[in-house]
Amino acid sequence: MQNEKDVQPHKLRPLLGRADITWMVIAATLGGGLFTLLTPAIEVAGSAILLVIVLNGLLALSTSICYAKLSEAMPDVGGGQQWIRKGMGSFWGHTTGWVSWLAHSVACGIYAISLGFY
């Protein structure tokens, strides 16, 4: 049996490179967002749809820049939940984790609907 001081914590090795992650994000955005939600978005926004797409692109760009800077400053597993927990405490970190899980569940539902369309 090993002593506690002999046991080292496990570290996750990054297997995906920057290009892999970039293409995954582009594919998810196009598949779940653009192809599935474009028709309902045109029905709501009408002729302002191009402006809406540009503004959403700017919002997504600012979010991705924040994620890039935070992951560079705190390179550990956990993402947004970890950053909120460290900055605002365990309650808000826990809540953020659950809200993130819910948002990803909704996104998976949109992907399933998209697959059904095709």
PDB file of N, CA and C in Angstrom:
ATOM      1  N   MET A   1       0.846  -1.184   0.000  1.00  0.00           N
ATOM      2  CA  MET A   1       0.000   0.000   0.000  1.00  0.00           C
ATOM      3  C   MET A   1       0.889   1.243   0.000  1.00  0.00           C
ATOM      4  N   GLN A   2       0.499   2.244  -0.777  1.00  0.00           N
ATOM      5  CA  GLN A   2       1.293   3.452  -0.913  1.00  0.00           C
ATOM      6  C   GLN A   2       0.986   4.441   0.201  1.00  0.00           C
ATOM      7  N   ASN A   3       2.006   5.195   0.570  1.00  0.00           N
ATOM      8  CA  ASN A   3       1.796   6.286   1.520  1.00  0.00           C
ATOM      9  C   ASN A   3       1.071   7.420   0.818  1.00  0.00           C
ATOM     10  N   GLU A   4       0.385   8.238   1.603  1.00  0.00           N
ATOM     11  CA  GLU A   4      -0.353   9.359   1.020  1.00  0.00           C
ATOM     12  C   GLU A   4       0.568  10.337   0.320  1.00  0.00           C
ATOM     13  N   LYS A   5       1.783  10.510   0.840  1.00  0.00           N
ATOM     14  CA  LYS A   5       2.690  11.466   0.202  1.00  0.00           C
ATOM     15  C   LYS A   5       3.293  10.909  -1.086  1.00  0.00           C
ATOM     16  N   ASP A   6       3.199   9.584  -1.305  1.00  0.00           N
ATOM     17  CA  ASP A   6       3.689   8.985  -2.545  1.00  0.00           C
ATOM     18  C   ASP A   6       2.672   9.116  -3.679  1.00  0.00           C
ATOM     19  N   VAL A   7       1.419   9.313  -3.336  1.00  0.00           N
ATOM     20  CA  VAL A   7       0.366   9.409  -4.346  1.00  0.00           C
ATOM     21  C   VAL A   7       0.344  10.836  -4.892  1.00  0.00           C
ATOM     22  N   GLN A   8       0.430  10.946  -6.211  1.00  0.00           N
ATOM     23  CA  GLN A   8       0.408  12.259  -6.837  1.00  0.00           C
ATOM     24  C   GLN A   8      -0.962  12.479  -7.464  1.00  0.00           C
ATOM     25  N   PRO A   9      -1.446  13.728  -7.434  1.00  0.00           N
ATOM     26  CA  PRO A   9      -2.761  14.001  -8.035  1.00  0.00           C
ATOM     27  C   PRO A   9      -2.707  13.788  -9.543  1.00  0.00           C
ATOM     28  N   HIS A  10      -3.826  13.335 -10.078  1.00  0.00           N
ATOM     29  CA  HIS A  10      -3.910  13.110 -11.519  1.00  0.00           C
ATOM     30  C   HIS A  10      -4.119  14.435 -12.229  1.00  0.00           C
ATOM     31  N   LYS A  11      -3.423  14.604 -13.303  1.00  0.00           N
ATOM     32  CA  LYS A  11      -3.594  15.784 -14.144  1.00  0.00           C
ATOM     33  C   LYS A  11      -4.112  15.326 -15.502  1.00  0.00           C
ATOM     34  N   LEU A  12      -5.075  16.048 -16.039  1.00  0.00           N
ATOM     35  CA  LEU A  12      -5.584  15.737 -17.364  1.00  0.00           C
ATOM     36  C   LEU A  12      -4.651  16.321 -18.416  1.00  0.00           C
ATOM     37  N   ARG A  13      -4.345  15.508 -19.408  1.00  0.00           N
ATOM     38  CA  ARG A  13      -3.503  15.974 -20.506  1.00  0.00           C
ATOM     39  C   ARG A  13      -4.403  16.508 -21.611  1.00  0.00           C
ATOM     40  N   PRO A  14      -4.087  17.680 -22.139  1.00  0.00           N
ATOM     41  CA  PRO A  14      -4.887  18.182 -23.254  1.00  0.00           C
ATOM     42  C   PRO A  14      -4.605  17.367 -24.516  1.00  0.00           C
ATOM     43  N   LEU A  15      -5.649  16.831 -25.098  1.00  0.00           N
ATOM     44  CA  LEU A  15      -5.498  16.028 -26.308  1.00  0.00           C
ATOM     45  C   LEU A  15      -5.916  16.789 -27.558  1.00  0.00           C
ATOM     46  N   LEU A  16      -6.707  17.826 -27.397  1.00  0.00           N
ATOM     47  CA  LEU A  16      -7.167  18.607 -28.535  1.00  0.00           C
ATOM     48  C   LEU A  16      -6.319  19.866 -28.661  1.00  0.00           C
ATOM     49  N   GLY A  17      -5.969  20.163 -29.879  1.00  0.00           N
ATOM     50  CA  GLY A  17      -5.200  21.375 -30.132  1.00  0.00           C
ATOM     51  C   GLY A  17      -6.117  22.565 -30.372  1.00  0.00           C
ATOM     52  N   ARG A  18      -5.515  23.700 -30.574  1.00  0.00           N
ATOM     53  CA  ARG A  18      -6.275  24.932 -30.798  1.00  0.00           C
ATOM     54  C   ARG A  18      -7.137  24.834 -32.057  1.00  0.00           C
ATOM     55  N   ALA A  19      -6.587  24.260 -33.124  1.00  0.00           N
ATOM     56  CA  ALA A  19      -7.356  24.123 -34.374  1.00  0.00           C
ATOM     57  C   ALA A  19      -8.538  23.169 -34.185  1.00  0.00           C
ATOM     58  N   ASP A  20      -8.330  22.065 -33.441  1.00  0.00           N
ATOM     59  CA  ASP A  20      -9.423  21.116 -33.197  1.00  0.00           C
ATOM     60  C   ASP A  20     -10.591  21.788 -32.482  1.00  0.00           C
ATOM     61  N   ILE A  21     -10.283  22.536 -31.450  1.00  0.00           N
ATOM     62  CA  ILE A  21     -11.323  23.194 -30.667  1.00  0.00           C
ATOM     63  C   ILE A  21     -12.007  24.283 -31.486  1.00  0.00           C
ATOM     64  N   THR A  22     -11.242  25.018 -32.277  1.00  0.00           N
ATOM     65  CA  THR A  22     -11.828  26.062 -33.117  1.00  0.00           C
ATOM     66  C   THR A  22     -12.839  25.470 -34.088  1.00  0.00           C
ATOM     67  N   TRP A  23     -12.479  24.368 -34.742  1.00  0.00           N
ATOM     68  CA  TRP A  23     -13.402  23.750 -35.703  1.00  0.00           C
ATOM     69  C   TRP A  23     -14.610  23.136 -35.016  1.00  0.00           C
ATOM     70  N   MET A  24     -14.453  22.631 -33.801  1.00  0.00           N
ATOM     71  CA  MET A  24     -15.600  22.106 -33.060  1.00  0.00           C
ATOM     72  C   MET A  24     -16.605  23.222 -32.753  1.00  0.00           C
ATOM     73  N   VAL A  25     -16.108  24.385 -32.371  1.00  0.00           N
ATOM     74  CA  VAL A  25     -16.978  25.515 -32.065  1.00  0.00           C
ATOM     75  C   VAL A  25     -17.688  26.002 -33.331  1.00  0.00           C
ATOM     76  N   ILE A  26     -16.949  26.079 -34.430  1.00  0.00           N
ATOM     77  CA  ILE A  26     -17.558  26.512 -35.687  1.00  0.00           C
ATOM     78  C   ILE A  26     -18.643  25.529 -36.117  1.00  0.00           C
ATOM     79  N   ALA A  27     -18.364  24.235 -36.018  1.00  0.00           N
ATOM     80  CA  ALA A  27     -19.346  23.220 -36.408  1.00  0.00           C
ATOM     81  C   ALA A  27     -20.590  23.283 -35.525  1.00  0.00           C
ATOM     82  N   ALA A  28     -20.405  23.465 -34.229  1.00  0.00           N
ATOM     83  CA  ALA A  28     -21.553  23.545 -33.320  1.00  0.00           C
ATOM     84  C   ALA A  28     -22.383  24.797 -33.598  1.00  0.00           C
ATOM     85  N   THR A  29     -21.723  25.902 -33.882  1.00  0.00           N
ATOM     86  CA  THR A  29     -22.430  27.141 -34.161  1.00  0.00           C
ATOM     87  C   THR A  29     -23.230  27.036 -35.453  1.00  0.00           C
ATOM     88  N   LEU A  30     -22.617  26.511 -36.485  1.00  0.00           N
ATOM     89  CA  LEU A  30     -23.318  26.386 -37.758  1.00  0.00           C
ATOM     90  C   LEU A  30     -24.428  25.346 -37.687  1.00  0.00           C
ATOM     91  N   GLY A  31     -24.141  24.201 -37.096  1.00  0.00           N
ATOM     92  CA  GLY A  31     -25.124  23.125 -37.059  1.00  0.00           C
ATOM     93  C   GLY A  31     -26.308  23.424 -36.171  1.00  0.00           C
ATOM     94  N   GLY A  32     -26.053  23.796 -34.951  1.00  0.00           N
ATOM     95  CA  GLY A  32     -27.133  24.016 -34.003  1.00  0.00           C
ATOM     96  C   GLY A  32     -27.788  25.369 -34.121  1.00  0.00           C
ATOM     97  N   GLY A  33     -27.025  26.366 -34.485  1.00  0.00           N
ATOM     98  CA  GLY A  33     -27.572  27.706 -34.520  1.00  0.00           C
ATOM     99  C   GLY A  33     -28.051  28.140 -35.884  1.00  0.00           C
ATOM    100  N   LEU A  34     -27.135  28.216 -36.823  1.00  0.00           N
ATOM    101  CA  LEU A  34     -27.471  28.808 -38.116  1.00  0.00           C
ATOM    102  C   LEU A  34     -28.443  27.956 -38.918  1.00  0.00           C
ATOM    103  N   PHE A  35     -28.171  26.676 -39.073  1.00  0.00           N
ATOM    104  CA  PHE A  35     -29.024  25.842 -39.916  1.00  0.00           C
ATOM    105  C   PHE A  35     -30.402  25.604 -39.293  1.00  0.00           C
ATOM    106  N   THR A  36     -30.475  25.498 -37.983  1.00  0.00           N
ATOM    107  CA  THR A  36     -31.748  25.183 -37.340  1.00  0.00           C
ATOM    108  C   THR A  36     -32.571  26.425 -37.037  1.00  0.00           C
ATOM    109  N   LEU A  37     -31.936  27.462 -36.569  1.00  0.00           N
ATOM    110  CA  LEU A  37     -32.678  28.613 -36.053  1.00  0.00           C
ATOM    111  C   LEU A  37     -32.765  29.791 -36.999  1.00  0.00           C
ATOM    112  N   LEU A  38     -32.235  29.666 -38.216  1.00  0.00           N
ATOM    113  CA  LEU A  38     -32.245  30.811 -39.126  1.00  0.00           C
ATOM    114  C   LEU A  38     -33.663  31.183 -39.558  1.00  0.00           C
ATOM    115  N   THR A  39     -34.485  30.208 -39.909  1.00  0.00           N
ATOM    116  CA  THR A  39     -35.844  30.510 -40.351  1.00  0.00           C
ATOM    117  C   THR A  39     -36.678  31.181 -39.251  1.00  0.00           C
ATOM    118  N   PRO A  40     -36.700  30.640 -38.021  1.00  0.00           N
ATOM    119  CA  PRO A  40     -37.442  31.364 -36.973  1.00  0.00           C
ATOM    120  C   PRO A  40     -36.863  32.748 -36.683  1.00  0.00           C
ATOM    121  N   ALA A  41     -35.544  32.893 -36.809  1.00  0.00           N
ATOM    122  CA  ALA A  41     -34.926  34.200 -36.566  1.00  0.00           C
ATOM    123  C   ALA A  41     -35.350  35.200 -37.631  1.00  0.00           C
ATOM    124  N   ILE A  42     -35.440  34.758 -38.883  1.00  0.00           N
ATOM    125  CA  ILE A  42     -35.891  35.652 -39.961  1.00  0.00           C
ATOM    126  C   ILE A  42     -37.344  36.047 -39.728  1.00  0.00           C
ATOM    127  N   GLU A  43     -38.166  35.118 -39.243  1.00  0.00           N
ATOM    128  CA  GLU A  43     -39.567  35.437 -38.964  1.00  0.00           C
ATOM    129  C   GLU A  43     -39.695  36.511 -37.891  1.00  0.00           C
ATOM    130  N   VAL A  44     -38.809  36.489 -36.907  1.00  0.00           N
ATOM    131  CA  VAL A  44     -38.869  37.470 -35.817  1.00  0.00           C
ATOM    132  C   VAL A  44     -38.204  38.783 -36.215  1.00  0.00           C
ATOM    133  N   ALA A  45     -36.986  38.709 -36.787  1.00  0.00           N
ATOM    134  CA  ALA A  45     -36.215  39.923 -37.055  1.00  0.00           C
ATOM    135  C   ALA A  45     -36.525  40.561 -38.400  1.00  0.00           C
ATOM    136  N   GLY A  46     -37.050  39.780 -39.320  1.00  0.00           N
ATOM    137  CA  GLY A  46     -37.365  40.325 -40.641  1.00  0.00           C
ATOM    138  C   GLY A  46     -36.119  40.755 -41.392  1.00  0.00           C
ATOM    139  N   SER A  47     -36.175  41.960 -41.930  1.00  0.00           N
ATOM    140  CA  SER A  47     -35.050  42.440 -42.751  1.00  0.00           C
ATOM    141  C   SER A  47     -33.830  42.822 -41.919  1.00  0.00           C
ATOM    142  N   ALA A  48     -33.966  42.894 -40.617  1.00  0.00           N
ATOM    143  CA  ALA A  48     -32.832  43.224 -39.749  1.00  0.00           C
ATOM    144  C   ALA A  48     -32.003  42.001 -39.387  1.00  0.00           C
ATOM    145  N   ILE A  49     -32.237  40.866 -40.062  1.00  0.00           N
ATOM    146  CA  ILE A  49     -31.555  39.627 -39.696  1.00  0.00           C
ATOM    147  C   ILE A  49     -30.036  39.741 -39.841  1.00  0.00           C
ATOM    148  N   LEU A  50     -29.563  40.456 -40.854  1.00  0.00           N
ATOM    149  CA  LEU A  50     -28.111  40.612 -41.015  1.00  0.00           C
ATOM    150  C   LEU A  50     -27.507  41.382 -39.844  1.00  0.00           C
ATOM    151  N   LEU A  51     -28.188  42.421 -39.397  1.00  0.00           N
ATOM    152  CA  LEU A  51     -27.725  43.172 -38.234  1.00  0.00           C
ATOM    153  C   LEU A  51     -27.705  42.276 -36.992  1.00  0.00           C
ATOM    154  N   VAL A  52     -28.744  41.474 -36.832  1.00  0.00           N
ATOM    155  CA  VAL A  52     -28.819  40.554 -35.691  1.00  0.00           C
ATOM    156  C   VAL A  52     -27.657  39.557 -35.731  1.00  0.00           C
ATOM    157  N   ILE A  53     -27.355  39.016 -36.906  1.00  0.00           N
ATOM    158  CA  ILE A  53     -26.256  38.049 -37.034  1.00  0.00           C
ATOM    159  C   ILE A  53     -24.921  38.713 -36.711  1.00  0.00           C
ATOM    160  N   VAL A  54     -24.714  39.925 -37.193  1.00  0.00           N
ATOM    161  CA  VAL A  54     -23.459  40.643 -36.907  1.00  0.00           C
ATOM    162  C   VAL A  54     -23.338  40.935 -35.410  1.00  0.00           C
ATOM    163  N   LEU A  55     -24.400  41.415 -34.792  1.00  0.00           N
ATOM    164  CA  LEU A  55     -24.357  41.708 -33.353  1.00  0.00           C
ATOM    165  C   LEU A  55     -24.133  40.435 -32.532  1.00  0.00           C
ATOM    166  N   ASN A  56     -24.779  39.346 -32.927  1.00  0.00           N
ATOM    167  CA  ASN A  56     -24.532  38.075 -32.235  1.00  0.00           C
ATOM    168  C   ASN A  56     -23.107  37.608 -32.424  1.00  0.00           C
ATOM    169  N   GLY A  57     -22.548  37.833 -33.600  1.00  0.00           N
ATOM    170  CA  GLY A  57     -21.151  37.481 -33.839  1.00  0.00           C
ATOM    171  C   GLY A  57     -20.208  38.278 -32.948  1.00  0.00           C
ATOM    172  N   LEU A  58     -20.484  39.570 -32.787  1.00  0.00           N
ATOM    173  CA  LEU A  58     -19.654  40.399 -31.899  1.00  0.00           C
ATOM    174  C   LEU A  58     -19.777  39.946 -30.441  1.00  0.00           C
ATOM    175  N   LEU A  59     -20.980  39.598 -30.038  1.00  0.00           N
ATOM    176  CA  LEU A  59     -21.176  39.097 -28.674  1.00  0.00           C
ATOM    177  C   LEU A  59     -20.430  37.780 -28.463  1.00  0.00           C
ATOM    178  N   ALA A  60     -20.519  36.885 -29.449  1.00  0.00           N
ATOM    179  CA  ALA A  60     -19.810  35.611 -29.351  1.00  0.00           C
ATOM    180  C   ALA A  60     -18.294  35.822 -29.345  1.00  0.00           C
ATOM    181  N   LEU A  61     -17.819  36.778 -30.132  1.00  0.00           N
ATOM    182  CA  LEU A  61     -16.383  37.071 -30.158  1.00  0.00           C
ATOM    183  C   LEU A  61     -15.907  37.599 -28.814  1.00  0.00           C
ATOM    184  N   SER A  62     -16.671  38.508 -28.210  1.00  0.00           N
ATOM    185  CA  SER A  62     -16.263  39.041 -26.902  1.00  0.00           C
ATOM    186  C   SER A  62     -16.279  37.938 -25.836  1.00  0.00           C
ATOM    187  N   THR A  63     -17.260  37.044 -25.906  1.00  0.00           N
ATOM    188  CA  THR A  63     -17.311  35.927 -24.960  1.00  0.00           C
ATOM    189  C   THR A  63     -16.119  34.997 -25.148  1.00  0.00           C
ATOM    190  N   SER A  64     -15.789  34.704 -26.393  1.00  0.00           N
ATOM    191  CA  SER A  64     -14.669  33.795 -26.638  1.00  0.00           C
ATOM    192  C   SER A  64     -13.344  34.419 -26.222  1.00  0.00           C
ATOM    193  N   ILE A  65     -13.199  35.728 -26.375  1.00  0.00           N
ATOM    194  CA  ILE A  65     -11.975  36.394 -25.922  1.00  0.00           C
ATOM    195  C   ILE A  65     -11.870  36.321 -24.400  1.00  0.00           C
ATOM    196  N   CYS A  66     -12.990  36.523 -23.694  1.00  0.00           N
ATOM    197  CA  CYS A  66     -12.988  36.395 -22.229  1.00  0.00           C
ATOM    198  C   CYS A  66     -12.606  34.986 -21.807  1.00  0.00           C
ATOM    199  N   TYR A  67     -13.177  33.985 -22.452  1.00  0.00           N
ATOM    200  CA  TYR A  67     -12.839  32.598 -22.133  1.00  0.00           C
ATOM    201  C   TYR A  67     -11.370  32.318 -22.405  1.00  0.00           C
ATOM    202  N   ALA A  68     -10.837  32.837 -23.506  1.00  0.00           N
ATOM    203  CA  ALA A  68      -9.423  32.615 -23.833  1.00  0.00           C
ATOM    204  C   ALA A  68      -8.516  33.243 -22.783  1.00  0.00           C
ATOM    205  N   LYS A  69      -8.814  34.463 -22.388  1.00  0.00           N
ATOM    206  CA  LYS A  69      -7.986  35.144 -21.384  1.00  0.00           C
ATOM    207  C   LYS A  69      -8.070  34.458 -20.020  1.00  0.00           C
ATOM    208  N   LEU A  70      -9.287  34.073 -19.619  1.00  0.00           N
ATOM    209  CA  LEU A  70      -9.437  33.397 -18.323  1.00  0.00           C
ATOM    210  C   LEU A  70      -8.772  32.023 -18.318  1.00  0.00           C
ATOM    211  N   SER A  71      -8.896  31.284 -19.420  1.00  0.00           N
ATOM    212  CA  SER A  71      -8.263  29.961 -19.448  1.00  0.00           C
ATOM    213  C   SER A  71      -6.751  30.080 -19.496  1.00  0.00           C
ATOM    214  N   GLU A  72      -6.243  31.172 -20.025  1.00  0.00           N
ATOM    215  CA  GLU A  72      -4.802  31.405 -20.003  1.00  0.00           C
ATOM    216  C   GLU A  72      -4.340  31.763 -18.593  1.00  0.00           C
ATOM    217  N   ALA A  73      -5.146  32.551 -17.882  1.00  0.00           N
ATOM    218  CA  ALA A  73      -4.787  32.972 -16.530  1.00  0.00           C
ATOM    219  C   ALA A  73      -4.951  31.844 -15.520  1.00  0.00           C
ATOM    220  N   MET A  74      -5.964  30.979 -15.699  1.00  0.00           N
ATOM    221  CA  MET A  74      -6.230  29.874 -14.776  1.00  0.00           C
ATOM    222  C   MET A  74      -6.392  28.576 -15.567  1.00  0.00           C
ATOM    223  N   PRO A  75      -5.282  28.002 -16.016  1.00  0.00           N
ATOM    224  CA  PRO A  75      -5.364  26.804 -16.867  1.00  0.00           C
ATOM    225  C   PRO A  75      -5.633  25.535 -16.051  1.00  0.00           C
ATOM    226  N   ASP A  76      -6.879  25.298 -15.742  1.00  0.00           N
ATOM    227  CA  ASP A  76      -7.251  24.120 -14.972  1.00  0.00           C
ATOM    228  C   ASP A  76      -8.619  23.644 -15.463  1.00  0.00           C
ATOM    229  N   VAL A  77      -8.989  22.442 -15.093  1.00  0.00           N
ATOM    230  CA  VAL A  77     -10.264  21.878 -15.497  1.00  0.00           C
ATOM    231  C   VAL A  77     -11.388  22.593 -14.755  1.00  0.00           C
ATOM    232  N   GLY A  78     -12.486  22.890 -15.442  1.00  0.00           N
ATOM    233  CA  GLY A  78     -13.631  23.496 -14.778  1.00  0.00           C
ATOM    234  C   GLY A  78     -14.231  24.645 -15.543  1.00  0.00           C
ATOM    235  N   GLY A  79     -13.441  25.360 -16.318  1.00  0.00           N
ATOM    236  CA  GLY A  79     -13.959  26.446 -17.142  1.00  0.00           C
ATOM    237  C   GLY A  79     -14.670  27.520 -16.352  1.00  0.00           C
ATOM    238  N   GLY A  80     -15.815  27.960 -16.886  1.00  0.00           N
ATOM    239  CA  GLY A  80     -16.557  29.058 -16.285  1.00  0.00           C
ATOM    240  C   GLY A  80     -16.955  28.817 -14.846  1.00  0.00           C
ATOM    241  N   GLN A  81     -17.317  27.583 -14.535  1.00  0.00           N
ATOM    242  CA  GLN A  81     -17.709  27.259 -13.161  1.00  0.00           C
ATOM    243  C   GLN A  81     -16.545  27.499 -12.202  1.00  0.00           C
ATOM    244  N   GLN A  82     -15.356  27.109 -12.604  1.00  0.00           N
ATOM    245  CA  GLN A  82     -14.174  27.283 -11.761  1.00  0.00           C
ATOM    246  C   GLN A  82     -13.860  28.759 -11.562  1.00  0.00           C
ATOM    247  N   TRP A  83     -13.949  29.542 -12.623  1.00  0.00           N
ATOM    248  CA  TRP A  83     -13.613  30.959 -12.519  1.00  0.00           C
ATOM    249  C   TRP A  83     -14.612  31.689 -11.630  1.00  0.00           C
ATOM    250  N   ILE A  84     -15.888  31.377 -11.756  1.00  0.00           N
ATOM    251  CA  ILE A  84     -16.898  32.001 -10.908  1.00  0.00           C
ATOM    252  C   ILE A  84     -16.702  31.582  -9.453  1.00  0.00           C
ATOM    253  N   ARG A  85     -16.401  30.302  -9.219  1.00  0.00           N
ATOM    254  CA  ARG A  85     -16.194  29.819  -7.853  1.00  0.00           C
ATOM    255  C   ARG A  85     -15.020  30.539  -7.197  1.00  0.00           C
ATOM    256  N   LYS A  86     -13.927  30.694  -7.941  1.00  0.00           N
ATOM    257  CA  LYS A  86     -12.758  31.373  -7.374  1.00  0.00           C
ATOM    258  C   LYS A  86     -13.017  32.856  -7.140  1.00  0.00           C
ATOM    259  N   GLY A  87     -13.821  33.478  -7.996  1.00  0.00           N
ATOM    260  CA  GLY A  87     -14.065  34.911  -7.864  1.00  0.00           C
ATOM    261  C   GLY A  87     -15.214  35.278  -6.951  1.00  0.00           C
ATOM    262  N   MET A  88     -16.260  34.423  -6.899  1.00  0.00           N
ATOM    263  CA  MET A  88     -17.465  34.804  -6.180  1.00  0.00           C
ATOM    264  C   MET A  88     -17.893  33.828  -5.091  1.00  0.00           C
ATOM    265  N   GLY A  89     -17.190  32.703  -4.964  1.00  0.00           N
ATOM    266  CA  GLY A  89     -17.519  31.763  -3.899  1.00  0.00           C
ATOM    267  C   GLY A  89     -18.187  30.494  -4.410  1.00  0.00           C
ATOM    268  N   SER A  90     -18.306  29.536  -3.507  1.00  0.00           N
ATOM    269  CA  SER A  90     -18.799  28.205  -3.862  1.00  0.00           C
ATOM    270  C   SER A  90     -20.257  28.204  -4.313  1.00  0.00           C
ATOM    271  N   PHE A  91     -21.121  28.979  -3.661  1.00  0.00           N
ATOM    272  CA  PHE A  91     -22.538  28.974  -4.040  1.00  0.00           C
ATOM    273  C   PHE A  91     -22.713  29.371  -5.502  1.00  0.00           C
ATOM    274  N   TRP A  92     -22.102  30.498  -5.885  1.00  0.00           N
ATOM    275  CA  TRP A  92     -22.259  30.975  -7.262  1.00  0.00           C
ATOM    276  C   TRP A  92     -21.540  30.071  -8.247  1.00  0.00           C
ATOM    277  N   GLY A  93     -20.422  29.483  -7.844  1.00  0.00           N
ATOM    278  CA  GLY A  93     -19.753  28.522  -8.711  1.00  0.00           C
ATOM    279  C   GLY A  93     -20.621  27.306  -8.955  1.00  0.00           C
ATOM    280  N   HIS A  94     -21.254  26.812  -7.892  1.00  0.00           N
ATOM    281  CA  HIS A  94     -22.147  25.657  -8.006  1.00  0.00           C
ATOM    282  C   HIS A  94     -23.342  25.990  -8.908  1.00  0.00           C
ATOM    283  N   THR A  95     -23.933  27.155  -8.688  1.00  0.00           N
ATOM    284  CA  THR A  95     -25.075  27.580  -9.495  1.00  0.00           C
ATOM    285  C   THR A  95     -24.678  27.723 -10.959  1.00  0.00           C
ATOM    286  N   THR A  96     -23.519  28.299 -11.212  1.00  0.00           N
ATOM    287  CA  THR A  96     -23.027  28.449 -12.579  1.00  0.00           C
ATOM    288  C   THR A  96     -22.840  27.098 -13.241  1.00  0.00           C
ATOM    289  N   GLY A  97     -22.319  26.121 -12.512  1.00  0.00           N
ATOM    290  CA  GLY A  97     -22.152  24.778 -13.060  1.00  0.00           C
ATOM    291  C   GLY A  97     -23.467  24.174 -13.502  1.00  0.00           C
ATOM    292  N   TRP A  98     -24.503  24.329 -12.688  1.00  0.00           N
ATOM    293  CA  TRP A  98     -25.815  23.773 -13.045  1.00  0.00           C
ATOM    294  C   TRP A  98     -26.462  24.525 -14.206  1.00  0.00           C
ATOM    295  N   VAL A  99     -26.328  25.842 -14.232  1.00  0.00           N
ATOM    296  CA  VAL A  99     -26.880  26.612 -15.345  1.00  0.00           C
ATOM    297  C   VAL A  99     -26.161  26.246 -16.641  1.00  0.00           C
ATOM    298  N   SER A 100     -24.856  26.055 -16.563  1.00  0.00           N
ATOM    299  CA  SER A 100     -24.094  25.632 -17.738  1.00  0.00           C
ATOM    300  C   SER A 100     -24.561  24.260 -18.222  1.00  0.00           C
ATOM    301  N   TRP A 101     -24.789  23.368 -17.283  1.00  0.00           N
ATOM    302  CA  TRP A 101     -25.276  22.024 -17.646  1.00  0.00           C
ATOM    303  C   TRP A 101     -26.630  22.133 -18.347  1.00  0.00           C
ATOM    304  N   LEU A 102     -27.518  22.971 -17.821  1.00  0.00           N
ATOM    305  CA  LEU A 102     -28.834  23.150 -18.420  1.00  0.00           C
ATOM    306  C   LEU A 102     -28.710  23.732 -19.830  1.00  0.00           C
ATOM    307  N   ALA A 103     -27.859  24.722 -20.006  1.00  0.00           N
ATOM    308  CA  ALA A 103     -27.673  25.331 -21.322  1.00  0.00           C
ATOM    309  C   ALA A 103     -27.131  24.322 -22.326  1.00  0.00           C
ATOM    310  N   HIS A 104     -26.196  23.486 -21.894  1.00  0.00           N
ATOM    311  CA  HIS A 104     -25.666  22.465 -22.796  1.00  0.00           C
ATOM    312  C   HIS A 104     -26.729  21.416 -23.122  1.00  0.00           C
ATOM    313  N   SER A 105     -27.610  21.131 -22.191  1.00  0.00           N
ATOM    314  CA  SER A 105     -28.703  20.189 -22.463  1.00  0.00           C
ATOM    315  C   SER A 105     -29.649  20.746 -23.515  1.00  0.00           C
ATOM    316  N   VAL A 106     -29.955  22.037 -23.413  1.00  0.00           N
ATOM    317  CA  VAL A 106     -30.811  22.676 -24.418  1.00  0.00           C
ATOM    318  C   VAL A 106     -30.116  22.660 -25.779  1.00  0.00           C
ATOM    319  N   ALA A 107     -28.821  22.935 -25.801  1.00  0.00           N
ATOM    320  CA  ALA A 107     -28.074  22.902 -27.065  1.00  0.00           C
ATOM    321  C   ALA A 107     -28.113  21.508 -27.679  1.00  0.00           C
ATOM    322  N   CYS A 108     -27.980  20.477 -26.855  1.00  0.00           N
ATOM    323  CA  CYS A 108     -28.060  19.103 -27.378  1.00  0.00           C
ATOM    324  C   CYS A 108     -29.442  18.830 -27.963  1.00  0.00           C
ATOM    325  N   GLY A 109     -30.479  19.363 -27.366  1.00  0.00           N
ATOM    326  CA  GLY A 109     -31.824  19.220 -27.918  1.00  0.00           C
ATOM    327  C   GLY A 109     -31.944  19.897 -29.282  1.00  0.00           C
ATOM    328  N   ILE A 110     -31.327  21.070 -29.413  1.00  0.00           N
ATOM    329  CA  ILE A 110     -31.347  21.758 -30.706  1.00  0.00           C
ATOM    330  C   ILE A 110     -30.594  20.946 -31.752  1.00  0.00           C
ATOM    331  N   TYR A 111     -29.482  20.324 -31.354  1.00  0.00           N
ATOM    332  CA  TYR A 111     -28.732  19.489 -32.304  1.00  0.00           C
ATOM    333  C   TYR A 111     -29.573  18.289 -32.736  1.00  0.00           C
ATOM    334  N   ALA A 112     -30.316  17.719 -31.819  1.00  0.00           N
ATOM    335  CA  ALA A 112     -31.180  16.578 -32.159  1.00  0.00           C
ATOM    336  C   ALA A 112     -32.269  17.015 -33.131  1.00  0.00           C
ATOM    337  N   ILE A 113     -32.847  18.187 -32.909  1.00  0.00           N
ATOM    338  CA  ILE A 113     -33.861  18.709 -33.833  1.00  0.00           C
ATOM    339  C   ILE A 113     -33.247  18.951 -35.208  1.00  0.00           C
ATOM    340  N   SER A 114     -32.030  19.522 -35.222  1.00  0.00           N
ATOM    341  CA  SER A 114     -31.341  19.745 -36.496  1.00  0.00           C
ATOM    342  C   SER A 114     -31.128  18.452 -37.253  1.00  0.00           C
ATOM    343  N   LEU A 115     -30.725  17.429 -36.554  1.00  0.00           N
ATOM    344  CA  LEU A 115     -30.504  16.133 -37.191  1.00  0.00           C
ATOM    345  C   LEU A 115     -31.816  15.597 -37.761  1.00  0.00           C
ATOM    346  N   GLY A 116     -32.915  15.825 -37.055  1.00  0.00           N
ATOM    347  CA  GLY A 116     -34.213  15.385 -37.545  1.00  0.00           C
ATOM    348  C   GLY A 116     -34.642  16.091 -38.813  1.00  0.00           C
ATOM    349  N   PHE A 117     -34.236  17.361 -38.978  1.00  0.00           N
ATOM    350  CA  PHE A 117     -34.573  18.102 -40.185  1.00  0.00           C
ATOM    351  C   PHE A 117     -33.910  17.517 -41.422  1.00  0.00           C
ATOM    352  N   TYR A 118     -32.717  16.962 -41.223  1.00  0.00           N
ATOM    353  CA  TYR A 118     -31.953  16.497 -42.378  1.00  0.00           C
ATOM    354  C   TYR A 118     -32.061  15.006 -42.503  1.00  0.00           C
TER     355      TYR A 118
END
